[in-house]
Amino acid sequence: MQVVDSLRQSLEQMEEVLELVELAERQKLTDEREIESLLRALRQLQSRGGRAERPERQERSQPVD
């Protein structure tokens, strides 16, 4: 009886570990997607030479009288 109880307890612990591994895998995939998204955004910024998305303001020169 003691062996059966020990095996049941081991099985429960293994199931808990499996749940944690699955959770960690889902979080890893989420993190990887976020990293890829950030890398795409960074590449876009770099391809524009670090310029902001909005067009640059052109300063108007003051007329000389």
N, C-alpha and C. Protein backbone atom coordinates (compact mmCIF):
# COMPACT_ATOMS: atom_id res chain seq x y z
N MET A 1 0.81 -1.20 0.00
CA MET A 1 0.00 0.00 0.00
C MET A 1 0.86 1.26 0.00
N GLN A 2 1.93 1.24 0.74
CA GLN A 2 2.80 2.40 0.83
C GLN A 2 3.44 2.72 -0.52
N VAL A 3 3.76 1.69 -1.29
CA VAL A 3 4.37 1.89 -2.60
C VAL A 3 3.36 2.55 -3.55
N VAL A 4 2.12 2.09 -3.50
CA VAL A 4 1.07 2.65 -4.35
C VAL A 4 0.83 4.12 -4.01
N ASP A 5 0.77 4.42 -2.74
CA ASP A 5 0.58 5.82 -2.32
C ASP A 5 1.75 6.69 -2.77
N SER A 6 2.95 6.15 -2.64
CA SER A 6 4.14 6.89 -3.06
C SER A 6 4.11 7.14 -4.57
N LEU A 7 3.69 6.15 -5.34
CA LEU A 7 3.59 6.30 -6.79
C LEU A 7 2.52 7.33 -7.17
N ARG A 8 1.40 7.31 -6.46
CA ARG A 8 0.34 8.29 -6.73
C ARG A 8 0.84 9.71 -6.45
N GLN A 9 1.54 9.85 -5.35
CA GLN A 9 2.09 11.16 -4.99
C GLN A 9 3.11 11.62 -6.05
N SER A 10 3.93 10.70 -6.50
CA SER A 10 4.91 11.03 -7.54
C SER A 10 4.21 11.44 -8.83
N LEU A 11 3.14 10.75 -9.18
CA LEU A 11 2.38 11.09 -10.38
C LEU A 11 1.77 12.49 -10.27
N GLU A 12 1.22 12.82 -9.12
CA GLU A 12 0.66 14.16 -8.90
C GLU A 12 1.73 15.23 -9.04
N GLN A 13 2.90 14.96 -8.49
CA GLN A 13 3.99 15.92 -8.59
C GLN A 13 4.45 16.09 -10.04
N MET A 14 4.50 15.00 -10.76
CA MET A 14 4.90 15.06 -12.17
C MET A 14 3.87 15.84 -12.99
N GLU A 15 2.60 15.68 -12.68
CA GLU A 15 1.56 16.44 -13.38
C GLU A 15 1.68 17.93 -13.08
N GLU A 16 2.02 18.27 -11.84
CA GLU A 16 2.24 19.68 -11.49
C GLU A 16 3.43 20.25 -12.25
N VAL A 17 4.48 19.47 -12.35
CA VAL A 17 5.67 19.90 -13.09
C VAL A 17 5.32 20.08 -14.56
N LEU A 18 4.55 19.17 -15.13
CA LEU A 18 4.15 19.28 -16.52
C LEU A 18 3.34 20.56 -16.75
N GLU A 19 2.44 20.89 -15.85
CA GLU A 19 1.66 22.12 -15.96
C GLU A 19 2.58 23.34 -15.95
N LEU A 20 3.57 23.32 -15.07
CA LEU A 20 4.52 24.43 -15.01
C LEU A 20 5.34 24.54 -16.30
N VAL A 21 5.75 23.42 -16.84
CA VAL A 21 6.52 23.42 -18.09
C VAL A 21 5.67 23.96 -19.24
N GLU A 22 4.40 23.54 -19.29
CA GLU A 22 3.51 24.04 -20.34
C GLU A 22 3.28 25.55 -20.20
N LEU A 23 3.11 26.01 -18.98
CA LEU A 23 2.95 27.44 -18.73
C LEU A 23 4.21 28.21 -19.16
N ALA A 24 5.37 27.67 -18.82
CA ALA A 24 6.63 28.31 -19.20
C ALA A 24 6.78 28.35 -20.72
N GLU A 25 6.35 27.29 -21.40
CA GLU A 25 6.44 27.25 -22.86
C GLU A 25 5.53 28.30 -23.49
N ARG A 26 4.32 28.44 -22.97
CA ARG A 26 3.41 29.47 -23.49
C ARG A 26 3.98 30.86 -23.27
N GLN A 27 4.55 31.09 -22.09
CA GLN A 27 5.14 32.40 -21.80
C GLN A 27 6.34 32.66 -22.70
N LYS A 28 7.12 31.63 -22.96
CA LYS A 28 8.28 31.76 -23.85
C LYS A 28 7.83 32.16 -25.25
N LEU A 29 6.79 31.53 -25.77
CA LEU A 29 6.29 31.86 -27.09
C LEU A 29 5.76 33.30 -27.13
N THR A 30 5.06 33.70 -26.08
CA THR A 30 4.56 35.07 -25.99
C THR A 30 5.72 36.06 -25.98
N ASP A 31 6.74 35.76 -25.20
CA ASP A 31 7.92 36.63 -25.12
C ASP A 31 8.63 36.72 -26.47
N GLU A 32 8.74 35.58 -27.16
CA GLU A 32 9.41 35.58 -28.46
C GLU A 32 8.64 36.43 -29.47
N ARG A 33 7.31 36.36 -29.44
CA ARG A 33 6.50 37.18 -30.34
C ARG A 33 6.69 38.67 -30.03
N GLU A 34 6.75 38.99 -28.75
CA GLU A 34 6.95 40.39 -28.35
C GLU A 34 8.32 40.89 -28.79
N ILE A 35 9.33 40.06 -28.63
CA ILE A 35 10.68 40.43 -29.06
C ILE A 35 10.71 40.67 -30.56
N GLU A 36 10.08 39.78 -31.34
CA GLU A 36 10.03 39.96 -32.79
C GLU A 36 9.32 41.25 -33.17
N SER A 37 8.24 41.56 -32.47
CA SER A 37 7.51 42.79 -32.73
C SER A 37 8.38 44.01 -32.44
N LEU A 38 9.09 43.98 -31.34
CA LEU A 38 9.98 45.09 -30.99
C LEU A 38 11.13 45.22 -31.98
N LEU A 39 11.65 44.10 -32.44
CA LEU A 39 12.73 44.14 -33.44
C LEU A 39 12.24 44.74 -34.75
N ARG A 40 11.01 44.39 -35.17
CA ARG A 40 10.45 44.97 -36.39
C ARG A 40 10.31 46.49 -36.24
N ALA A 41 9.81 46.92 -35.09
CA ALA A 41 9.65 48.35 -34.85
C ALA A 41 11.00 49.05 -34.86
N LEU A 42 12.00 48.44 -34.26
CA LEU A 42 13.34 49.03 -34.24
C LEU A 42 13.92 49.13 -35.64
N ARG A 43 13.73 48.08 -36.44
CA ARG A 43 14.23 48.11 -37.82
C ARG A 43 13.55 49.21 -38.63
N GLN A 44 12.26 49.39 -38.40
CA GLN A 44 11.55 50.46 -39.10
C GLN A 44 12.12 51.83 -38.72
N LEU A 45 12.38 52.02 -37.44
CA LEU A 45 12.96 53.28 -37.00
C LEU A 45 14.34 53.49 -37.60
N GLN A 46 15.12 52.43 -37.63
CA GLN A 46 16.48 52.54 -38.16
C GLN A 46 16.46 52.79 -39.67
N SER A 47 15.50 52.21 -40.37
CA SER A 47 15.45 52.40 -41.82
C SER A 47 15.05 53.83 -42.19
N ARG A 48 14.41 54.52 -41.28
CA ARG A 48 14.05 55.92 -41.51
C ARG A 48 15.13 56.85 -40.99
N GLY A 49 16.22 56.31 -40.56
CA GLY A 49 17.32 57.13 -40.06
C GLY A 49 17.02 57.73 -38.71
N GLY A 50 16.15 57.09 -37.95
CA GLY A 50 15.83 57.57 -36.62
C GLY A 50 14.87 58.73 -36.61
N ARG A 51 14.29 59.05 -37.77
CA ARG A 51 13.34 60.16 -37.82
C ARG A 51 12.02 59.73 -37.22
N ALA A 52 11.31 60.68 -36.68
CA ALA A 52 10.00 60.42 -36.11
C ALA A 52 9.02 60.13 -37.23
N GLU A 53 7.87 59.52 -36.90
CA GLU A 53 6.89 59.19 -37.91
C GLU A 53 6.26 60.41 -38.55
N ARG A 54 6.03 61.44 -37.76
CA ARG A 54 5.40 62.63 -38.33
C ARG A 54 6.41 63.38 -39.20
N PRO A 55 5.92 64.03 -40.23
CA PRO A 55 6.84 64.76 -41.12
C PRO A 55 7.55 65.88 -40.37
N GLU A 56 8.76 66.17 -40.83
CA GLU A 56 9.53 67.22 -40.18
C GLU A 56 8.88 68.57 -40.47
N ARG A 57 8.94 69.44 -39.51
CA ARG A 57 8.39 70.79 -39.68
C ARG A 57 9.38 71.63 -40.46
N GLN A 58 8.88 72.32 -41.44
CA GLN A 58 9.73 73.23 -42.20
C GLN A 58 9.57 74.61 -41.61
N GLU A 59 10.67 75.17 -41.21
CA GLU A 59 10.60 76.52 -40.64
C GLU A 59 10.51 77.52 -41.76
N ARG A 60 9.61 78.45 -41.62
CA ARG A 60 9.44 79.48 -42.63
C ARG A 60 10.40 80.63 -42.32
N SER A 61 11.04 81.06 -43.33
CA SER A 61 11.95 82.19 -43.12
C SER A 61 11.14 83.47 -43.07
N GLN A 62 11.59 84.37 -42.25
CA GLN A 62 10.94 85.66 -42.10
C GLN A 62 11.28 86.54 -43.29
N PRO A 63 10.28 87.22 -43.86
CA PRO A 63 10.57 88.11 -44.99
C PRO A 63 11.48 89.26 -44.55
N VAL A 64 12.39 89.59 -45.40
CA VAL A 64 13.33 90.70 -45.13
C VAL A 64 12.77 91.94 -45.82
N ASP A 65 12.57 93.03 -45.06
CA ASP A 65 12.04 94.27 -45.63
C ASP A 65 13.13 95.20 -46.05
